[in-house]
Amino acid sequence: MKNINNFYVDRDLSPEEQNKILIKYIDEFYNSKIFSEQIVYLSQTFDIPTNIFEQDVKNYLVTNFKNSSGK
């Protein structure tokens, strides 16, 4: 699984390009087998529907992205 802490976006790119790169990275992160298995396990453990849990995690990742540093 990718280490999300190592993700970086080049600040010289346009904001639109930066957003595309961020969304693509999050989607690739989500498509990893290990992460998918963890989501299923956590959703079952906490009795939260998988799609709701996935959306909450995606929202968390996007809102905690620091635009000023690109990380």
PDB file of N, CA and C in Angstrom:
ATOM      1  N   MET A   1       0.855  -1.178   0.000  1.00  0.00           N
ATOM      2  CA  MET A   1       0.000   0.000   0.000  1.00  0.00           C
ATOM      3  C   MET A   1       0.896   1.234   0.000  1.00  0.00           C
ATOM      4  N   LYS A   2       0.473   2.249  -0.701  1.00  0.00           N
ATOM      5  CA  LYS A   2       1.205   3.504  -0.759  1.00  0.00           C
ATOM      6  C   LYS A   2       1.178   4.193   0.598  1.00  0.00           C
ATOM      7  N   ASN A   3       2.265   4.884   0.900  1.00  0.00           N
ATOM      8  CA  ASN A   3       2.306   5.686   2.116  1.00  0.00           C
ATOM      9  C   ASN A   3       1.778   7.074   1.772  1.00  0.00           C
ATOM     10  N   ILE A   4       0.603   7.373   2.224  1.00  0.00           N
ATOM     11  CA  ILE A   4      -0.051   8.636   1.874  1.00  0.00           C
ATOM     12  C   ILE A   4       0.708   9.847   2.420  1.00  0.00           C
ATOM     13  N   ASN A   5       1.540   9.636   3.429  1.00  0.00           N
ATOM     14  CA  ASN A   5       2.334  10.734   3.990  1.00  0.00           C
ATOM     15  C   ASN A   5       3.427  11.202   3.041  1.00  0.00           C
ATOM     16  N   ASN A   6       3.765  10.390   2.039  1.00  0.00           N
ATOM     17  CA  ASN A   6       4.790  10.757   1.070  1.00  0.00           C
ATOM     18  C   ASN A   6       4.230  11.483  -0.142  1.00  0.00           C
ATOM     19  N   PHE A   7       2.940  11.678  -0.179  1.00  0.00           N
ATOM     20  CA  PHE A   7       2.314  12.328  -1.329  1.00  0.00           C
ATOM     21  C   PHE A   7       2.661  13.812  -1.368  1.00  0.00           C
ATOM     22  N   TYR A   8       2.964  14.302  -2.560  1.00  0.00           N
ATOM     23  CA  TYR A   8       3.307  15.709  -2.749  1.00  0.00           C
ATOM     24  C   TYR A   8       2.815  16.170  -4.114  1.00  0.00           C
ATOM     25  N   VAL A   9       2.270  17.384  -4.172  1.00  0.00           N
ATOM     26  CA  VAL A   9       1.824  17.985  -5.425  1.00  0.00           C
ATOM     27  C   VAL A   9       2.708  19.189  -5.706  1.00  0.00           C
ATOM     28  N   ASP A  10       3.180  19.274  -6.931  1.00  0.00           N
ATOM     29  CA  ASP A  10       4.015  20.404  -7.341  1.00  0.00           C
ATOM     30  C   ASP A  10       3.189  21.688  -7.303  1.00  0.00           C
ATOM     31  N   ARG A  11       3.605  22.634  -6.479  1.00  0.00           N
ATOM     32  CA  ARG A  11       2.871  23.889  -6.295  1.00  0.00           C
ATOM     33  C   ARG A  11       2.952  24.805  -7.513  1.00  0.00           C
ATOM     34  N   ASP A  12       3.825  24.495  -8.462  1.00  0.00           N
ATOM     35  CA  ASP A  12       3.935  25.305  -9.671  1.00  0.00           C
ATOM     36  C   ASP A  12       2.821  24.998 -10.677  1.00  0.00           C
ATOM     37  N   LEU A  13       2.113  23.901 -10.484  1.00  0.00           N
ATOM     38  CA  LEU A  13       1.014  23.533 -11.371  1.00  0.00           C
ATOM     39  C   LEU A  13      -0.202  24.405 -11.075  1.00  0.00           C
ATOM     40  N   SER A  14      -1.101  24.470 -12.037  1.00  0.00           N
ATOM     41  CA  SER A  14      -2.340  25.221 -11.827  1.00  0.00           C
ATOM     42  C   SER A  14      -3.180  24.522 -10.754  1.00  0.00           C
ATOM     43  N   PRO A  15      -4.045  25.264 -10.072  1.00  0.00           N
ATOM     44  CA  PRO A  15      -4.911  24.637  -9.060  1.00  0.00           C
ATOM     45  C   PRO A  15      -5.757  23.493  -9.620  1.00  0.00           C
ATOM     46  N   GLU A  16      -6.197  23.631 -10.866  1.00  0.00           N
ATOM     47  CA  GLU A  16      -7.002  22.571 -11.476  1.00  0.00           C
ATOM     48  C   GLU A  16      -6.187  21.290 -11.615  1.00  0.00           C
ATOM     49  N   GLU A  17      -4.933  21.434 -12.078  1.00  0.00           N
ATOM     50  CA  GLU A  17      -4.062  20.269 -12.233  1.00  0.00           C
ATOM     51  C   GLU A  17      -3.740  19.646 -10.875  1.00  0.00           C
ATOM     52  N   GLN A  18      -3.512  20.482  -9.883  1.00  0.00           N
ATOM     53  CA  GLN A  18      -3.228  19.976  -8.538  1.00  0.00           C
ATOM     54  C   GLN A  18      -4.404  19.165  -8.012  1.00  0.00           C
ATOM     55  N   ASN A  19      -5.618  19.657  -8.213  1.00  0.00           N
ATOM     56  CA  ASN A  19      -6.812  18.934  -7.759  1.00  0.00           C
ATOM     57  C   ASN A  19      -6.975  17.610  -8.487  1.00  0.00           C
ATOM     58  N   LYS A  20      -6.701  17.591  -9.793  1.00  0.00           N
ATOM     59  CA  LYS A  20      -6.789  16.350 -10.562  1.00  0.00           C
ATOM     60  C   LYS A  20      -5.803  15.320 -10.031  1.00  0.00           C
ATOM     61  N   ILE A  21      -4.581  15.765  -9.745  1.00  0.00           N
ATOM     62  CA  ILE A  21      -3.550  14.864  -9.230  1.00  0.00           C
ATOM     63  C   ILE A  21      -3.952  14.325  -7.859  1.00  0.00           C
ATOM     64  N   LEU A  22      -4.479  15.192  -7.007  1.00  0.00           N
ATOM     65  CA  LEU A  22      -4.908  14.780  -5.672  1.00  0.00           C
ATOM     66  C   LEU A  22      -6.023  13.742  -5.753  1.00  0.00           C
ATOM     67  N   ILE A  23      -7.035  14.002  -6.551  1.00  0.00           N
ATOM     68  CA  ILE A  23      -8.162  13.075  -6.692  1.00  0.00           C
ATOM     69  C   ILE A  23      -7.695  11.743  -7.280  1.00  0.00           C
ATOM     70  N   LYS A  24      -6.817  11.790  -8.268  1.00  0.00           N
ATOM     71  CA  LYS A  24      -6.290  10.562  -8.871  1.00  0.00           C
ATOM     72  C   LYS A  24      -5.523   9.749  -7.832  1.00  0.00           C
ATOM     73  N   TYR A  25      -4.704  10.412  -7.032  1.00  0.00           N
ATOM     74  CA  TYR A  25      -3.932   9.713  -6.011  1.00  0.00           C
ATOM     75  C   TYR A  25      -4.851   9.052  -4.987  1.00  0.00           C
ATOM     76  N   ILE A  26      -5.853   9.767  -4.537  1.00  0.00           N
ATOM     77  CA  ILE A  26      -6.790   9.203  -3.558  1.00  0.00           C
ATOM     78  C   ILE A  26      -7.529   8.002  -4.157  1.00  0.00           C
ATOM     79  N   ASP A  27      -7.924   8.104  -5.420  1.00  0.00           N
ATOM     80  CA  ASP A  27      -8.605   6.978  -6.068  1.00  0.00           C
ATOM     81  C   ASP A  27      -7.688   5.759  -6.159  1.00  0.00           C
ATOM     82  N   GLU A  28      -6.415   5.974  -6.523  1.00  0.00           N
ATOM     83  CA  GLU A  28      -5.462   4.869  -6.597  1.00  0.00           C
ATOM     84  C   GLU A  28      -5.246   4.259  -5.208  1.00  0.00           C
ATOM     85  N   PHE A  29      -5.174   5.116  -4.207  1.00  0.00           N
ATOM     86  CA  PHE A  29      -5.015   4.659  -2.831  1.00  0.00           C
ATOM     87  C   PHE A  29      -6.201   3.778  -2.445  1.00  0.00           C
ATOM     88  N   TYR A  30      -7.395   4.201  -2.824  1.00  0.00           N
ATOM     89  CA  TYR A  30      -8.611   3.450  -2.515  1.00  0.00           C
ATOM     90  C   TYR A  30      -8.690   2.133  -3.255  1.00  0.00           C
ATOM     91  N   ASN A  31      -8.135   2.079  -4.427  1.00  0.00           N
ATOM     92  CA  ASN A  31      -8.226   0.866  -5.231  1.00  0.00           C
ATOM     93  C   ASN A  31      -7.232  -0.210  -4.820  1.00  0.00           C
ATOM     94  N   SER A  32      -6.363   0.087  -3.868  1.00  0.00           N
ATOM     95  CA  SER A  32      -5.418  -0.927  -3.418  1.00  0.00           C
ATOM     96  C   SER A  32      -6.174  -2.015  -2.643  1.00  0.00           C
ATOM     97  N   LYS A  33      -5.734  -3.244  -2.825  1.00  0.00           N
ATOM     98  CA  LYS A  33      -6.413  -4.381  -2.196  1.00  0.00           C
ATOM     99  C   LYS A  33      -6.362  -4.288  -0.675  1.00  0.00           C
ATOM    100  N   ILE A  34      -5.222  -3.927  -0.138  1.00  0.00           N
ATOM    101  CA  ILE A  34      -5.063  -3.864   1.315  1.00  0.00           C
ATOM    102  C   ILE A  34      -6.025  -2.842   1.915  1.00  0.00           C
ATOM    103  N   PHE A  35      -6.108  -1.673   1.294  1.00  0.00           N
ATOM    104  CA  PHE A  35      -6.995  -0.642   1.815  1.00  0.00           C
ATOM    105  C   PHE A  35      -8.455  -1.089   1.725  1.00  0.00           C
ATOM    106  N   SER A  36      -8.816  -1.700   0.629  1.00  0.00           N
ATOM    107  CA  SER A  36     -10.192  -2.183   0.465  1.00  0.00           C
ATOM    108  C   SER A  36     -10.549  -3.192   1.547  1.00  0.00           C
ATOM    109  N   GLU A  37      -9.622  -4.083   1.854  1.00  0.00           N
ATOM    110  CA  GLU A  37      -9.867  -5.066   2.906  1.00  0.00           C
ATOM    111  C   GLU A  37     -10.021  -4.381   4.269  1.00  0.00           C
ATOM    112  N   GLN A  38      -9.230  -3.355   4.511  1.00  0.00           N
ATOM    113  CA  GLN A  38      -9.331  -2.623   5.771  1.00  0.00           C
ATOM    114  C   GLN A  38     -10.674  -1.899   5.882  1.00  0.00           C
ATOM    115  N   ILE A  39     -11.127  -1.314   4.785  1.00  0.00           N
ATOM    116  CA  ILE A  39     -12.423  -0.623   4.786  1.00  0.00           C
ATOM    117  C   ILE A  39     -13.547  -1.601   5.112  1.00  0.00           C
ATOM    118  N   VAL A  40     -13.524  -2.765   4.491  1.00  0.00           N
ATOM    119  CA  VAL A  40     -14.563  -3.764   4.736  1.00  0.00           C
ATOM    120  C   VAL A  40     -14.530  -4.199   6.197  1.00  0.00           C
ATOM    121  N   TYR A  41     -13.339  -4.463   6.709  1.00  0.00           N
ATOM    122  CA  TYR A  41     -13.206  -4.881   8.110  1.00  0.00           C
ATOM    123  C   TYR A  41     -13.742  -3.808   9.058  1.00  0.00           C
ATOM    124  N   LEU A  42     -13.340  -2.554   8.841  1.00  0.00           N
ATOM    125  CA  LEU A  42     -13.777  -1.468   9.721  1.00  0.00           C
ATOM    126  C   LEU A  42     -15.275  -1.207   9.609  1.00  0.00           C
ATOM    127  N   SER A  43     -15.808  -1.285   8.402  1.00  0.00           N
ATOM    128  CA  SER A  43     -17.242  -1.051   8.253  1.00  0.00           C
ATOM    129  C   SER A  43     -18.048  -2.139   8.953  1.00  0.00           C
ATOM    130  N   GLN A  44     -17.560  -3.374   8.920  1.00  0.00           N
ATOM    131  CA  GLN A  44     -18.242  -4.458   9.631  1.00  0.00           C
ATOM    132  C   GLN A  44     -18.088  -4.302  11.145  1.00  0.00           C
ATOM    133  N   THR A  45     -16.901  -3.903  11.565  1.00  0.00           N
ATOM    134  CA  THR A  45     -16.636  -3.748  13.000  1.00  0.00           C
ATOM    135  C   THR A  45     -17.527  -2.673  13.615  1.00  0.00           C
ATOM    136  N   PHE A  46     -17.675  -1.564  12.907  1.00  0.00           N
ATOM    137  CA  PHE A  46     -18.444  -0.439  13.444  1.00  0.00           C
ATOM    138  C   PHE A  46     -19.874  -0.392  12.919  1.00  0.00           C
ATOM    139  N   ASP A  47     -20.251  -1.396  12.150  1.00  0.00           N
ATOM    140  CA  ASP A  47     -21.599  -1.506  11.588  1.00  0.00           C
ATOM    141  C   ASP A  47     -21.981  -0.239  10.814  1.00  0.00           C
ATOM    142  N   ILE A  48     -21.065   0.176   9.942  1.00  0.00           N
ATOM    143  CA  ILE A  48     -21.287   1.332   9.068  1.00  0.00           C
ATOM    144  C   ILE A  48     -21.246   0.809   7.638  1.00  0.00           C
ATOM    145  N   PRO A  49     -22.209   1.163   6.791  1.00  0.00           N
ATOM    146  CA  PRO A  49     -22.166   0.693   5.408  1.00  0.00           C
ATOM    147  C   PRO A  49     -20.838   1.077   4.733  1.00  0.00           C
ATOM    148  N   THR A  50     -20.296   0.158   3.961  1.00  0.00           N
ATOM    149  CA  THR A  50     -18.988   0.353   3.339  1.00  0.00           C
ATOM    150  C   THR A  50     -18.926   1.628   2.512  1.00  0.00           C
ATOM    151  N   ASN A  51     -19.959   1.895   1.716  1.00  0.00           N
ATOM    152  CA  ASN A  51     -19.924   3.090   0.864  1.00  0.00           C
ATOM    153  C   ASN A  51     -19.914   4.379   1.685  1.00  0.00           C
ATOM    154  N   ILE A  52     -20.583   4.390   2.813  1.00  0.00           N
ATOM    155  CA  ILE A  52     -20.589   5.562   3.697  1.00  0.00           C
ATOM    156  C   ILE A  52     -19.202   5.731   4.319  1.00  0.00           C
ATOM    157  N   PHE A  53     -18.648   4.631   4.786  1.00  0.00           N
ATOM    158  CA  PHE A  53     -17.331   4.662   5.400  1.00  0.00           C
ATOM    159  C   PHE A  53     -16.287   5.153   4.406  1.00  0.00           C
ATOM    160  N   GLU A  54     -16.331   4.645   3.173  1.00  0.00           N
ATOM    161  CA  GLU A  54     -15.384   5.065   2.138  1.00  0.00           C
ATOM    162  C   GLU A  54     -15.498   6.566   1.869  1.00  0.00           C
ATOM    163  N   GLN A  55     -16.710   7.049   1.751  1.00  0.00           N
ATOM    164  CA  GLN A  55     -16.921   8.471   1.471  1.00  0.00           C
ATOM    165  C   GLN A  55     -16.406   9.345   2.608  1.00  0.00           C
ATOM    166  N   ASP A  56     -16.622   8.916   3.836  1.00  0.00           N
ATOM    167  CA  ASP A  56     -16.124   9.675   4.982  1.00  0.00           C
ATOM    168  C   ASP A  56     -14.601   9.742   4.989  1.00  0.00           C
ATOM    169  N   VAL A  57     -13.962   8.633   4.667  1.00  0.00           N
ATOM    170  CA  VAL A  57     -12.494   8.620   4.642  1.00  0.00           C
ATOM    171  C   VAL A  57     -11.975   9.503   3.508  1.00  0.00           C
ATOM    172  N   LYS A  58     -12.601   9.432   2.349  1.00  0.00           N
ATOM    173  CA  LYS A  58     -12.191  10.298   1.224  1.00  0.00           C
ATOM    174  C   LYS A  58     -12.330  11.772   1.606  1.00  0.00           C
ATOM    175  N   ASN A  59     -13.453  12.122   2.211  1.00  0.00           N
ATOM    176  CA  ASN A  59     -13.657  13.510   2.641  1.00  0.00           C
ATOM    177  C   ASN A  59     -12.583  13.933   3.633  1.00  0.00           C
ATOM    178  N   TYR A  60     -12.249  13.049   4.545  1.00  0.00           N
ATOM    179  CA  TYR A  60     -11.210  13.347   5.529  1.00  0.00           C
ATOM    180  C   TYR A  60      -9.870  13.613   4.844  1.00  0.00           C
ATOM    181  N   LEU A  61      -9.516  12.769   3.889  1.00  0.00           N
ATOM    182  CA  LEU A  61      -8.239  12.935   3.193  1.00  0.00           C
ATOM    183  C   LEU A  61      -8.188  14.244   2.412  1.00  0.00           C
ATOM    184  N   VAL A  62      -9.261  14.566   1.723  1.00  0.00           N
ATOM    185  CA  VAL A  62      -9.288  15.794   0.925  1.00  0.00           C
ATOM    186  C   VAL A  62      -9.246  17.030   1.824  1.00  0.00           C
ATOM    187  N   THR A  63      -9.992  17.029   2.908  1.00  0.00           N
ATOM    188  CA  THR A  63     -10.038  18.218   3.768  1.00  0.00           C
ATOM    189  C   THR A  63      -8.760  18.402   4.574  1.00  0.00           C
ATOM    190  N   ASN A  64      -7.981  17.338   4.752  1.00  0.00           N
ATOM    191  CA  ASN A  64      -6.731  17.462   5.499  1.00  0.00           C
ATOM    192  C   ASN A  64      -5.514  17.658   4.608  1.00  0.00           C
ATOM    193  N   PHE A  65      -5.723  17.787   3.313  1.00  0.00           N
ATOM    194  CA  PHE A  65      -4.641  18.099   2.401  1.00  0.00           C
ATOM    195  C   PHE A  65      -4.234  19.555   2.617  1.00  0.00           C
ATOM    196  N   LYS A  66      -2.955  19.794   2.798  1.00  0.00           N
ATOM    197  CA  LYS A  66      -2.460  21.144   3.055  1.00  0.00           C
ATOM    198  C   LYS A  66      -2.034  21.786   1.743  1.00  0.00           C
ATOM    199  N   ASN A  67      -2.905  22.604   1.178  1.00  0.00           N
ATOM    200  CA  ASN A  67      -2.618  23.249  -0.097  1.00  0.00           C
ATOM    201  C   ASN A  67      -1.367  24.114  -0.056  1.00  0.00           C
ATOM    202  N   SER A  68      -1.123  24.760   1.050  1.00  0.00           N
ATOM    203  CA  SER A  68       0.020  25.667   1.144  1.00  0.00           C
ATOM    204  C   SER A  68       1.351  24.938   0.954  1.00  0.00           C
ATOM    205  N   SER A  69       1.426  23.682   1.390  1.00  0.00           N
ATOM    206  CA  SER A  69       2.673  22.929   1.257  1.00  0.00           C
ATOM    207  C   SER A  69       2.602  21.849   0.185  1.00  0.00           C
ATOM    208  N   GLY A  70       1.422  21.583  -0.333  1.00  0.00           N
ATOM    209  CA  GLY A  70       1.265  20.551  -1.363  1.00  0.00           C
ATOM    210  C   GLY A  70       1.308  19.145  -0.803  1.00  0.00           C
ATOM    211  N   LYS A  71       1.122  18.989   0.508  1.00  0.00           N
ATOM    212  CA  LYS A  71       1.185  17.663   1.158  1.00  0.00           C
ATOM    213  C   LYS A  71      -0.143  17.347   1.832  1.00  0.00           C
TER     214      LYS A  71
END
